[in-house]
Amino acid sequence: MVSFSDPFRLEIIDLMMDGEVCVCDIMKLTKLSQSRISYHIKILKEAGLISDRQDGRWVYYSLNKESLFLIKEWITSLTDYSSNRKRCCE
């Protein structure tokens, strides 16, 4: 879950909530440099959270909704497990 540990990566993920974006869009909206965005994109791609599509010389990035759904399910199961677990001192 290191991919979620950085506020810039969370901001990039948030930008993709409405659909695919290119690095130039991310640069305009975040004021980050291209190299810094590329670094964060690489981490998000390696984690399987985003995917890319090339169109000519442009690369568009979008959320991998299946991966995000699995993460949501995992968090839900942890929450359910935690709330249903008996406490040792009760």
C-alpha atoms as a PDB file:
ATOM      1  CA  MET A   1       0.000   0.000   0.000  1.00  0.00           C
ATOM      2  CA  VAL A   2       3.038   2.238  -0.373  1.00  0.00           C
ATOM      3  CA  SER A   3       1.323   3.619  -3.475  1.00  0.00           C
ATOM      4  CA  PHE A   4      -1.214   5.353  -1.233  1.00  0.00           C
ATOM      5  CA  SER A   5       1.390   6.771   1.151  1.00  0.00           C
ATOM      6  CA  ASP A   6       2.175   9.881  -0.869  1.00  0.00           C
ATOM      7  CA  PRO A   7      -0.182  12.863  -1.174  1.00  0.00           C
ATOM      8  CA  PHE A   8       0.892  13.511  -4.784  1.00  0.00           C
ATOM      9  CA  ARG A   9      -0.045   9.956  -5.799  1.00  0.00           C
ATOM     10  CA  LEU A  10      -3.408  10.363  -4.106  1.00  0.00           C
ATOM     11  CA  GLU A  11      -3.891  13.610  -6.007  1.00  0.00           C
ATOM     12  CA  ILE A  12      -3.014  11.887  -9.311  1.00  0.00           C
ATOM     13  CA  ILE A  13      -5.482   9.086  -8.519  1.00  0.00           C
ATOM     14  CA  ASP A  14      -8.119  11.695  -7.714  1.00  0.00           C
ATOM     15  CA  LEU A  15      -7.548  13.389 -11.089  1.00  0.00           C
ATOM     16  CA  MET A  16      -8.281  10.068 -12.815  1.00  0.00           C
ATOM     17  CA  MET A  17     -11.640   9.641 -11.084  1.00  0.00           C
ATOM     18  CA  ASP A  18     -13.383  11.366 -14.015  1.00  0.00           C
ATOM     19  CA  GLY A  19     -11.522   9.432 -16.713  1.00  0.00           C
ATOM     20  CA  GLU A  20      -8.174   9.176 -18.389  1.00  0.00           C
ATOM     21  CA  VAL A  21      -5.567  11.938 -18.276  1.00  0.00           C
ATOM     22  CA  CYS A  22      -2.184  12.580 -19.839  1.00  0.00           C
ATOM     23  CA  VAL A  23       0.924  13.825 -18.046  1.00  0.00           C
ATOM     24  CA  CYS A  24       0.408  17.304 -19.511  1.00  0.00           C
ATOM     25  CA  ASP A  25      -3.019  17.465 -17.817  1.00  0.00           C
ATOM     26  CA  ILE A  26      -1.522  16.322 -14.516  1.00  0.00           C
ATOM     27  CA  MET A  27       1.253  18.914 -14.852  1.00  0.00           C
ATOM     28  CA  LYS A  28      -1.264  21.738 -15.366  1.00  0.00           C
ATOM     29  CA  LEU A  29      -3.430  20.719 -12.435  1.00  0.00           C
ATOM     30  CA  THR A  30      -0.738  19.809  -9.897  1.00  0.00           C
ATOM     31  CA  LYS A  31       2.128  22.137 -10.852  1.00  0.00           C
ATOM     32  CA  LEU A  32       4.513  19.157 -10.559  1.00  0.00           C
ATOM     33  CA  SER A  33       7.364  18.648 -13.021  1.00  0.00           C
ATOM     34  CA  GLN A  34       7.113  15.993 -15.733  1.00  0.00           C
ATOM     35  CA  SER A  35       9.908  13.939 -14.170  1.00  0.00           C
ATOM     36  CA  ARG A  36       8.249  13.955 -10.753  1.00  0.00           C
ATOM     37  CA  ILE A  37       4.893  12.934 -12.245  1.00  0.00           C
ATOM     38  CA  SER A  38       6.589  10.141 -14.202  1.00  0.00           C
ATOM     39  CA  TYR A  39       8.108   8.827 -10.976  1.00  0.00           C
ATOM     40  CA  HIS A  40       4.711   8.695  -9.264  1.00  0.00           C
ATOM     41  CA  ILE A  41       3.019   7.224 -12.359  1.00  0.00           C
ATOM     42  CA  LYS A  42       5.639   4.461 -12.404  1.00  0.00           C
ATOM     43  CA  ILE A  43       4.852   3.534  -8.790  1.00  0.00           C
ATOM     44  CA  LEU A  44       1.097   3.559  -9.437  1.00  0.00           C
ATOM     45  CA  LYS A  45       1.523   1.397 -12.559  1.00  0.00           C
ATOM     46  CA  GLU A  46       3.774  -1.097 -10.764  1.00  0.00           C
ATOM     47  CA  ALA A  47       1.142  -1.387  -8.034  1.00  0.00           C
ATOM     48  CA  GLY A  48      -1.468  -2.144 -10.688  1.00  0.00           C
ATOM     49  CA  LEU A  49      -3.585   0.856  -9.725  1.00  0.00           C
ATOM     50  CA  ILE A  50      -3.464   2.564 -13.118  1.00  0.00           C
ATOM     51  CA  SER A  51      -3.052   1.533 -16.732  1.00  0.00           C
ATOM     52  CA  ASP A  52      -1.962   3.402 -19.824  1.00  0.00           C
ATOM     53  CA  ARG A  53      -2.979   3.744 -23.440  1.00  0.00           C
ATOM     54  CA  GLN A  54      -0.814   5.254 -26.150  1.00  0.00           C
ATOM     55  CA  ASP A  55      -2.369   7.409 -28.869  1.00  0.00           C
ATOM     56  CA  GLY A  56       0.315   8.669 -31.227  1.00  0.00           C
ATOM     57  CA  ARG A  57       2.939  10.389 -29.145  1.00  0.00           C
ATOM     58  CA  TRP A  58       0.575  10.868 -26.190  1.00  0.00           C
ATOM     59  CA  VAL A  59       0.102   8.409 -23.344  1.00  0.00           C
ATOM     60  CA  TYR A  60      -3.160   8.477 -21.420  1.00  0.00           C
ATOM     61  CA  TYR A  61      -3.499   7.058 -17.923  1.00  0.00           C
ATOM     62  CA  SER A  62      -6.606   5.746 -16.217  1.00  0.00           C
ATOM     63  CA  LEU A  63      -7.567   3.988 -13.015  1.00  0.00           C
ATOM     64  CA  ASN A  64      -7.553   0.222 -12.926  1.00  0.00           C
ATOM     65  CA  LYS A  65     -10.981  -0.040 -11.351  1.00  0.00           C
ATOM     66  CA  GLU A  66     -10.688  -3.784 -10.803  1.00  0.00           C
ATOM     67  CA  SER A  67      -7.619  -3.295  -8.593  1.00  0.00           C
ATOM     68  CA  LEU A  68      -9.320  -0.500  -6.671  1.00  0.00           C
ATOM     69  CA  PHE A  69     -12.394  -2.706  -6.164  1.00  0.00           C
ATOM     70  CA  LEU A  70     -10.193  -5.489  -4.747  1.00  0.00           C
ATOM     71  CA  ILE A  71      -8.535  -3.014  -2.372  1.00  0.00           C
ATOM     72  CA  LYS A  72     -11.956  -1.786  -1.257  1.00  0.00           C
ATOM     73  CA  GLU A  73     -13.086  -5.367  -0.631  1.00  0.00           C
ATOM     74  CA  TRP A  74      -9.918  -6.074   1.353  1.00  0.00           C
ATOM     75  CA  ILE A  75     -10.383  -2.967   3.515  1.00  0.00           C
ATOM     76  CA  THR A  76     -14.039  -3.879   4.074  1.00  0.00           C
ATOM     77  CA  SER A  77     -13.089  -7.387   5.155  1.00  0.00           C
ATOM     78  CA  LEU A  78     -10.509  -5.983   7.582  1.00  0.00           C
ATOM     79  CA  THR A  79     -13.067  -3.602   9.016  1.00  0.00           C
ATOM     80  CA  ASP A  80     -15.664  -6.357   9.348  1.00  0.00           C
ATOM     81  CA  TYR A  81     -13.148  -8.697  10.951  1.00  0.00           C
ATOM     82  CA  SER A  82     -12.008  -6.032  13.374  1.00  0.00           C
ATOM     83  CA  SER A  83     -15.524  -5.042  14.461  1.00  0.00           C
ATOM     84  CA  ASN A  84     -16.665  -8.686  14.880  1.00  0.00           C
ATOM     85  CA  ARG A  85     -13.602  -9.839  16.784  1.00  0.00           C
ATOM     86  CA  LYS A  86     -13.897 -10.459  20.494  1.00  0.00           C
ATOM     87  CA  ARG A  87     -11.603  -8.389  22.612  1.00  0.00           C
ATOM     88  CA  CYS A  88      -9.205 -10.304  24.829  1.00  0.00           C
ATOM     89  CA  CYS A  89     -10.153  -8.398  27.957  1.00  0.00           C
ATOM     90  CA  GLU A  90     -13.944  -8.343  27.616  1.00  0.00           C
END
